[in-house]
Amino acid sequence: MTDSTQRNQDPTLNFEGKRYDLNQLPDEVKELVRGMQVADAQLRMHEDTLKVLAVGRQTLAMQLKEKLKSVAPIS
């Protein structure tokens, strides 16, 4: 394995158009990066939850519409 191959496999942080060697960052910065990763994962999870809820709500609305076809509305 060459040095250039090894460098390409080193973890990097891409932030605001700049690249950083993750292994060379201070521990405090690494903790911030991990925090950002956790926050991103949580956002994706909650976005997926919202999509599931939206589909469920849409299904309920279609069922309600179907059931109300046989009910006379009040004037």
PDB file of N, CA and C in Angstrom:
ATOM      1  N   MET A   1       0.847  -1.177   0.000  1.00  0.00           N
ATOM      2  CA  MET A   1       0.000   0.000   0.000  1.00  0.00           C
ATOM      3  C   MET A   1       0.892   1.238   0.000  1.00  0.00           C
ATOM      4  N   THR A   2       0.584   2.178  -0.861  1.00  0.00           N
ATOM      5  CA  THR A   2       1.404   3.387  -0.941  1.00  0.00           C
ATOM      6  C   THR A   2       0.889   4.442   0.017  1.00  0.00           C
ATOM      7  N   ASP A   3       1.736   5.440   0.229  1.00  0.00           N
ATOM      8  CA  ASP A   3       1.335   6.533   1.116  1.00  0.00           C
ATOM      9  C   ASP A   3       0.103   7.260   0.577  1.00  0.00           C
ATOM     10  N   SER A   4       0.039   7.443  -0.740  1.00  0.00           N
ATOM     11  CA  SER A   4      -1.112   8.155  -1.304  1.00  0.00           C
ATOM     12  C   SER A   4      -2.389   7.350  -1.119  1.00  0.00           C
ATOM     13  N   THR A   5      -2.302   6.022  -1.232  1.00  0.00           N
ATOM     14  CA  THR A   5      -3.477   5.188  -0.991  1.00  0.00           C
ATOM     15  C   THR A   5      -3.903   5.297   0.459  1.00  0.00           C
ATOM     16  N   GLN A   6      -2.945   5.282   1.376  1.00  0.00           N
ATOM     17  CA  GLN A   6      -3.249   5.404   2.801  1.00  0.00           C
ATOM     18  C   GLN A   6      -3.906   6.742   3.092  1.00  0.00           C
ATOM     19  N   ARG A   7      -3.408   7.803   2.494  1.00  0.00           N
ATOM     20  CA  ARG A   7      -3.983   9.136   2.717  1.00  0.00           C
ATOM     21  C   ARG A   7      -5.429   9.185   2.225  1.00  0.00           C
ATOM     22  N   ASN A   8      -5.721   8.526   1.109  1.00  0.00           N
ATOM     23  CA  ASN A   8      -7.073   8.542   0.571  1.00  0.00           C
ATOM     24  C   ASN A   8      -8.046   7.803   1.475  1.00  0.00           C
ATOM     25  N   GLN A   9      -7.543   6.890   2.302  1.00  0.00           N
ATOM     26  CA  GLN A   9      -8.413   6.128   3.179  1.00  0.00           C
ATOM     27  C   GLN A   9      -8.556   6.765   4.550  1.00  0.00           C
ATOM     28  N   ASP A  10      -7.753   7.756   4.858  1.00  0.00           N
ATOM     29  CA  ASP A  10      -7.866   8.437   6.144  1.00  0.00           C
ATOM     30  C   ASP A  10      -9.204   9.177   6.193  1.00  0.00           C
ATOM     31  N   PRO A  11      -9.867   9.136   7.339  1.00  0.00           N
ATOM     32  CA  PRO A  11     -11.155   9.842   7.440  1.00  0.00           C
ATOM     33  C   PRO A  11     -10.958  11.351   7.342  1.00  0.00           C
ATOM     34  N   THR A  12     -11.807  11.971   6.577  1.00  0.00           N
ATOM     35  CA  THR A  12     -11.725  13.418   6.421  1.00  0.00           C
ATOM     36  C   THR A  12     -13.053  14.055   6.798  1.00  0.00           C
ATOM     37  N   LEU A  13     -12.950  15.275   7.235  1.00  0.00           N
ATOM     38  CA  LEU A  13     -14.116  16.094   7.530  1.00  0.00           C
ATOM     39  C   LEU A  13     -14.204  17.147   6.446  1.00  0.00           C
ATOM     40  N   ASN A  14     -15.337  17.192   5.753  1.00  0.00           N
ATOM     41  CA  ASN A  14     -15.605  18.250   4.776  1.00  0.00           C
ATOM     42  C   ASN A  14     -16.579  19.202   5.434  1.00  0.00           C
ATOM     43  N   PHE A  15     -16.123  20.425   5.669  1.00  0.00           N
ATOM     44  CA  PHE A  15     -16.963  21.402   6.361  1.00  0.00           C
ATOM     45  C   PHE A  15     -16.758  22.764   5.750  1.00  0.00           C
ATOM     46  N   GLU A  16     -17.842  23.344   5.273  1.00  0.00           N
ATOM     47  CA  GLU A  16     -17.849  24.676   4.668  1.00  0.00           C
ATOM     48  C   GLU A  16     -16.789  24.814   3.581  1.00  0.00           C
ATOM     49  N   GLY A  17     -16.722  23.793   2.725  1.00  0.00           N
ATOM     50  CA  GLY A  17     -15.828  23.840   1.576  1.00  0.00           C
ATOM     51  C   GLY A  17     -14.373  23.546   1.884  1.00  0.00           C
ATOM     52  N   LYS A  18     -14.075  23.153   3.098  1.00  0.00           N
ATOM     53  CA  LYS A  18     -12.695  22.836   3.470  1.00  0.00           C
ATOM     54  C   LYS A  18     -12.627  21.404   3.951  1.00  0.00           C
ATOM     55  N   ARG A  19     -11.466  20.769   3.736  1.00  0.00           N
ATOM     56  CA  ARG A  19     -11.259  19.386   4.158  1.00  0.00           C
ATOM     57  C   ARG A  19     -10.256  19.359   5.308  1.00  0.00           C
ATOM     58  N   TYR A  20     -10.539  18.464   6.271  1.00  0.00           N
ATOM     59  CA  TYR A  20      -9.669  18.326   7.444  1.00  0.00           C
ATOM     60  C   TYR A  20      -9.399  16.840   7.675  1.00  0.00           C
ATOM     61  N   ASP A  21      -8.183  16.530   8.102  1.00  0.00           N
ATOM     62  CA  ASP A  21      -7.839  15.163   8.492  1.00  0.00           C
ATOM     63  C   ASP A  21      -8.460  14.925   9.862  1.00  0.00           C
ATOM     64  N   LEU A  22      -9.441  14.048   9.911  1.00  0.00           N
ATOM     65  CA  LEU A  22     -10.176  13.812  11.151  1.00  0.00           C
ATOM     66  C   LEU A  22      -9.268  13.291  12.259  1.00  0.00           C
ATOM     67  N   ASN A  23      -8.277  12.497  11.896  1.00  0.00           N
ATOM     68  CA  ASN A  23      -7.360  11.944  12.903  1.00  0.00           C
ATOM     69  C   ASN A  23      -6.484  13.012  13.557  1.00  0.00           C
ATOM     70  N   GLN A  24      -6.305  14.123  12.885  1.00  0.00           N
ATOM     71  CA  GLN A  24      -5.424  15.175  13.392  1.00  0.00           C
ATOM     72  C   GLN A  24      -6.163  16.252  14.180  1.00  0.00           C
ATOM     73  N   LEU A  25      -7.471  16.159  14.226  1.00  0.00           N
ATOM     74  CA  LEU A  25      -8.245  17.188  14.929  1.00  0.00           C
ATOM     75  C   LEU A  25      -8.177  16.968  16.438  1.00  0.00           C
ATOM     76  N   PRO A  26      -8.273  18.049  17.212  1.00  0.00           N
ATOM     77  CA  PRO A  26      -8.303  17.909  18.679  1.00  0.00           C
ATOM     78  C   PRO A  26      -9.532  17.112  19.122  1.00  0.00           C
ATOM     79  N   ASP A  27      -9.421  16.467  20.268  1.00  0.00           N
ATOM     80  CA  ASP A  27     -10.513  15.638  20.777  1.00  0.00           C
ATOM     81  C   ASP A  27     -11.810  16.421  20.912  1.00  0.00           C
ATOM     82  N   GLU A  28     -11.730  17.664  21.320  1.00  0.00           N
ATOM     83  CA  GLU A  28     -12.925  18.491  21.472  1.00  0.00           C
ATOM     84  C   GLU A  28     -13.655  18.649  20.134  1.00  0.00           C
ATOM     85  N   VAL A  29     -12.888  18.817  19.068  1.00  0.00           N
ATOM     86  CA  VAL A  29     -13.481  18.960  17.739  1.00  0.00           C
ATOM     87  C   VAL A  29     -14.074  17.625  17.288  1.00  0.00           C
ATOM     88  N   LYS A  30     -13.379  16.530  17.584  1.00  0.00           N
ATOM     89  CA  LYS A  30     -13.905  15.203  17.235  1.00  0.00           C
ATOM     90  C   LYS A  30     -15.240  14.955  17.931  1.00  0.00           C
ATOM     91  N   GLU A  31     -15.358  15.395  19.172  1.00  0.00           N
ATOM     92  CA  GLU A  31     -16.627  15.250  19.904  1.00  0.00           C
ATOM     93  C   GLU A  31     -17.733  16.062  19.242  1.00  0.00           C
ATOM     94  N   LEU A  32     -17.406  17.252  18.775  1.00  0.00           N
ATOM     95  CA  LEU A  32     -18.396  18.076  18.070  1.00  0.00           C
ATOM     96  C   LEU A  32     -18.839  17.398  16.779  1.00  0.00           C
ATOM     97  N   VAL A  33     -17.885  16.803  16.074  1.00  0.00           N
ATOM     98  CA  VAL A  33     -18.214  16.089  14.835  1.00  0.00           C
ATOM     99  C   VAL A  33     -19.134  14.913  15.149  1.00  0.00           C
ATOM    100  N   ARG A  34     -18.827  14.160  16.198  1.00  0.00           N
ATOM    101  CA  ARG A  34     -19.691  13.041  16.587  1.00  0.00           C
ATOM    102  C   ARG A  34     -21.091  13.545  16.959  1.00  0.00           C
ATOM    103  N   GLY A  35     -21.145  14.647  17.653  1.00  0.00           N
ATOM    104  CA  GLY A  35     -22.442  15.239  17.995  1.00  0.00           C
ATOM    105  C   GLY A  35     -23.244  15.606  16.762  1.00  0.00           C
ATOM    106  N   MET A  36     -22.565  16.161  15.770  1.00  0.00           N
ATOM    107  CA  MET A  36     -23.236  16.504  14.512  1.00  0.00           C
ATOM    108  C   MET A  36     -23.740  15.248  13.810  1.00  0.00           C
ATOM    109  N   GLN A  37     -22.962  14.183  13.848  1.00  0.00           N
ATOM    110  CA  GLN A  37     -23.377  12.930  13.224  1.00  0.00           C
ATOM    111  C   GLN A  37     -24.619  12.366  13.914  1.00  0.00           C
ATOM    112  N   VAL A  38     -24.644  12.421  15.234  1.00  0.00           N
ATOM    113  CA  VAL A  38     -25.807  11.944  15.985  1.00  0.00           C
ATOM    114  C   VAL A  38     -27.027  12.805  15.649  1.00  0.00           C
ATOM    115  N   ALA A  39     -26.827  14.114  15.612  1.00  0.00           N
ATOM    116  CA  ALA A  39     -27.938  15.023  15.290  1.00  0.00           C
ATOM    117  C   ALA A  39     -28.474  14.737  13.889  1.00  0.00           C
ATOM    118  N   ASP A  40     -27.583  14.511  12.927  1.00  0.00           N
ATOM    119  CA  ASP A  40     -28.019  14.191  11.565  1.00  0.00           C
ATOM    120  C   ASP A  40     -28.821  12.897  11.534  1.00  0.00           C
ATOM    121  N   ALA A  41     -28.343  11.889  12.259  1.00  0.00           N
ATOM    122  CA  ALA A  41     -29.055  10.610  12.298  1.00  0.00           C
ATOM    123  C   ALA A  41     -30.436  10.778  12.923  1.00  0.00           C
ATOM    124  N   GLN A  42     -30.513  11.550  13.986  1.00  0.00           N
ATOM    125  CA  GLN A  42     -31.806  11.789  14.643  1.00  0.00           C
ATOM    126  C   GLN A  42     -32.754  12.537  13.715  1.00  0.00           C
ATOM    127  N   LEU A  43     -32.240  13.518  12.990  1.00  0.00           N
ATOM    128  CA  LEU A  43     -33.082  14.259  12.041  1.00  0.00           C
ATOM    129  C   LEU A  43     -33.630  13.332  10.968  1.00  0.00           C
ATOM    130  N   ARG A  44     -32.776  12.461  10.415  1.00  0.00           N
ATOM    131  CA  ARG A  44     -33.241  11.518   9.390  1.00  0.00           C
ATOM    132  C   ARG A  44     -34.317  10.596   9.964  1.00  0.00           C
ATOM    133  N   MET A  45     -34.106  10.119  11.184  1.00  0.00           N
ATOM    134  CA  MET A  45     -35.079   9.226  11.809  1.00  0.00           C
ATOM    135  C   MET A  45     -36.426   9.935  11.986  1.00  0.00           C
ATOM    136  N   HIS A  46     -36.398  11.162  12.469  1.00  0.00           N
ATOM    137  CA  HIS A  46     -37.644  11.894  12.702  1.00  0.00           C
ATOM    138  C   HIS A  46     -38.306  12.309  11.390  1.00  0.00           C
ATOM    139  N   GLU A  47     -37.511  12.598  10.368  1.00  0.00           N
ATOM    140  CA  GLU A  47     -38.095  12.889   9.054  1.00  0.00           C
ATOM    141  C   GLU A  47     -38.827  11.663   8.525  1.00  0.00           C
ATOM    142  N   ASP A  48     -38.229  10.481   8.712  1.00  0.00           N
ATOM    143  CA  ASP A  48     -38.890   9.245   8.292  1.00  0.00           C
ATOM    144  C   ASP A  48     -40.173   9.019   9.083  1.00  0.00           C
ATOM    145  N   THR A  49     -40.139   9.314  10.372  1.00  0.00           N
ATOM    146  CA  THR A  49     -41.333   9.176  11.211  1.00  0.00           C
ATOM    147  C   THR A  49     -42.437  10.101  10.713  1.00  0.00           C
ATOM    148  N   LEU A  50     -42.079  11.324  10.370  1.00  0.00           N
ATOM    149  CA  LEU A  50     -43.072  12.268   9.844  1.00  0.00           C
ATOM    150  C   LEU A  50     -43.685  11.768   8.538  1.00  0.00           C
ATOM    151  N   LYS A  51     -42.863  11.152   7.691  1.00  0.00           N
ATOM    152  CA  LYS A  51     -43.386  10.613   6.431  1.00  0.00           C
ATOM    153  C   LYS A  51     -44.389   9.496   6.708  1.00  0.00           C
ATOM    154  N   VAL A  52     -44.061   8.622   7.647  1.00  0.00           N
ATOM    155  CA  VAL A  52     -44.969   7.524   7.999  1.00  0.00           C
ATOM    156  C   VAL A  52     -46.275   8.083   8.566  1.00  0.00           C
ATOM    157  N   LEU A  53     -46.177   9.077   9.438  1.00  0.00           N
ATOM    158  CA  LEU A  53     -47.380   9.687  10.006  1.00  0.00           C
ATOM    159  C   LEU A  53     -48.228  10.356   8.926  1.00  0.00           C
ATOM    160  N   ALA A  54     -47.582  11.000   7.971  1.00  0.00           N
ATOM    161  CA  ALA A  54     -48.320  11.660   6.894  1.00  0.00           C
ATOM    162  C   ALA A  54     -49.068  10.634   6.050  1.00  0.00           C
ATOM    163  N   VAL A  55     -48.442   9.512   5.753  1.00  0.00           N
ATOM    164  CA  VAL A  55     -49.110   8.466   4.974  1.00  0.00           C
ATOM    165  C   VAL A  55     -50.281   7.894   5.770  1.00  0.00           C
ATOM    166  N   GLY A  56     -50.070   7.667   7.060  1.00  0.00           N
ATOM    167  CA  GLY A  56     -51.149   7.163   7.907  1.00  0.00           C
ATOM    168  C   GLY A  56     -52.315   8.125   7.967  1.00  0.00           C
ATOM    169  N   ARG A  57     -52.007   9.411   8.095  1.00  0.00           N
ATOM    170  CA  ARG A  57     -53.066  10.426   8.147  1.00  0.00           C
ATOM    171  C   ARG A  57     -53.834  10.466   6.829  1.00  0.00           C
ATOM    172  N   GLN A  58     -53.104  10.365   5.726  1.00  0.00           N
ATOM    173  CA  GLN A  58     -53.751  10.374   4.413  1.00  0.00           C
ATOM    174  C   GLN A  58     -54.678   9.161   4.266  1.00  0.00           C
ATOM    175  N   THR A  59     -54.247   8.016   4.746  1.00  0.00           N
ATOM    176  CA  THR A  59     -55.080   6.811   4.699  1.00  0.00           C
ATOM    177  C   THR A  59     -56.338   6.996   5.542  1.00  0.00           C
ATOM    178  N   LEU A  60     -56.180   7.567   6.733  1.00  0.00           N
ATOM    179  CA  LEU A  60     -57.339   7.836   7.587  1.00  0.00           C
ATOM    180  C   LEU A  60     -58.304   8.801   6.903  1.00  0.00           C
ATOM    181  N   ALA A  61     -57.778   9.824   6.248  1.00  0.00           N
ATOM    182  CA  ALA A  61     -58.630  10.795   5.559  1.00  0.00           C
ATOM    183  C   ALA A  61     -59.398  10.129   4.427  1.00  0.00           C
ATOM    184  N   MET A  62     -58.753   9.223   3.696  1.00  0.00           N
ATOM    185  CA  MET A  62     -59.457   8.517   2.613  1.00  0.00           C
ATOM    186  C   MET A  62     -60.551   7.623   3.180  1.00  0.00           C
ATOM    187  N   GLN A  63     -60.275   6.947   4.293  1.00  0.00           N
ATOM    188  CA  GLN A  63     -61.287   6.109   4.920  1.00  0.00           C
ATOM    189  C   GLN A  63     -62.458   6.948   5.431  1.00  0.00           C
ATOM    190  N   LEU A  64     -62.153   8.094   6.034  1.00  0.00           N
ATOM    191  CA  LEU A  64     -63.202   8.988   6.522  1.00  0.00           C
ATOM    192  C   LEU A  64     -64.068   9.485   5.369  1.00  0.00           C
ATOM    193  N   LYS A  65     -63.445   9.860   4.286  1.00  0.00           N
ATOM    194  CA  LYS A  65     -64.179  10.337   3.111  1.00  0.00           C
ATOM    195  C   LYS A  65     -65.119   9.257   2.594  1.00  0.00           C
ATOM    196  N   GLU A  66     -64.624   8.035   2.537  1.00  0.00           N
ATOM    197  CA  GLU A  66     -65.442   6.919   2.062  1.00  0.00           C
ATOM    198  C   GLU A  66     -66.634   6.666   2.988  1.00  0.00           C
ATOM    199  N   LYS A  67     -66.404   6.690   4.288  1.00  0.00           N
ATOM    200  CA  LYS A  67     -67.477   6.433   5.259  1.00  0.00           C
ATOM    201  C   LYS A  67     -68.512   7.557   5.263  1.00  0.00           C
ATOM    202  N   LEU A  68     -68.078   8.785   5.007  1.00  0.00           N
ATOM    203  CA  LEU A  68     -69.004   9.924   5.030  1.00  0.00           C
ATOM    204  C   LEU A  68     -69.875  10.016   3.779  1.00  0.00           C
ATOM    205  N   LYS A  69     -69.558   9.211   2.776  1.00  0.00           N
ATOM    206  CA  LYS A  69     -70.383   9.228   1.568  1.00  0.00           C
ATOM    207  C   LYS A  69     -71.837   8.843   1.870  1.00  0.00           C
ATOM    208  N   SER A  70     -71.994   7.991   2.844  1.00  0.00           N
ATOM    209  CA  SER A  70     -73.351   7.502   3.158  1.00  0.00           C
ATOM    210  C   SER A  70     -74.018   8.320   4.262  1.00  0.00           C
ATOM    211  N   VAL A  71     -73.394   9.395   4.683  1.00  0.00           N
ATOM    212  CA  VAL A  71     -73.945  10.225   5.769  1.00  0.00           C
ATOM    213  C   VAL A  71     -74.307  11.584   5.170  1.00  0.00           C
ATOM    214  N   ALA A  72     -75.531  12.032   5.467  1.00  0.00           N
ATOM    215  CA  ALA A  72     -75.984  13.331   4.967  1.00  0.00           C
ATOM    216  C   ALA A  72     -75.386  14.443   5.819  1.00  0.00           C
ATOM    217  N   PRO A  73     -74.773  15.433   5.172  1.00  0.00           N
ATOM    218  CA  PRO A  73     -74.219  16.553   5.937  1.00  0.00           C
ATOM    219  C   PRO A  73     -75.331  17.465   6.443  1.00  0.00           C
ATOM    220  N   ILE A  74     -75.055  18.215   7.498  1.00  0.00           N
ATOM    221  CA  ILE A  74     -76.040  19.173   8.000  1.00  0.00           C
ATOM    222  C   ILE A  74     -75.923  20.451   7.189  1.00  0.00           C
ATOM    223  N   SER A  75     -77.000  21.170   7.135  1.00  0.00           N
ATOM    224  CA  SER A  75     -76.962  22.409   6.341  1.00  0.00           C
ATOM    225  C   SER A  75     -76.813  23.619   7.224  1.00  0.00           C
TER     226      SER A  75
END
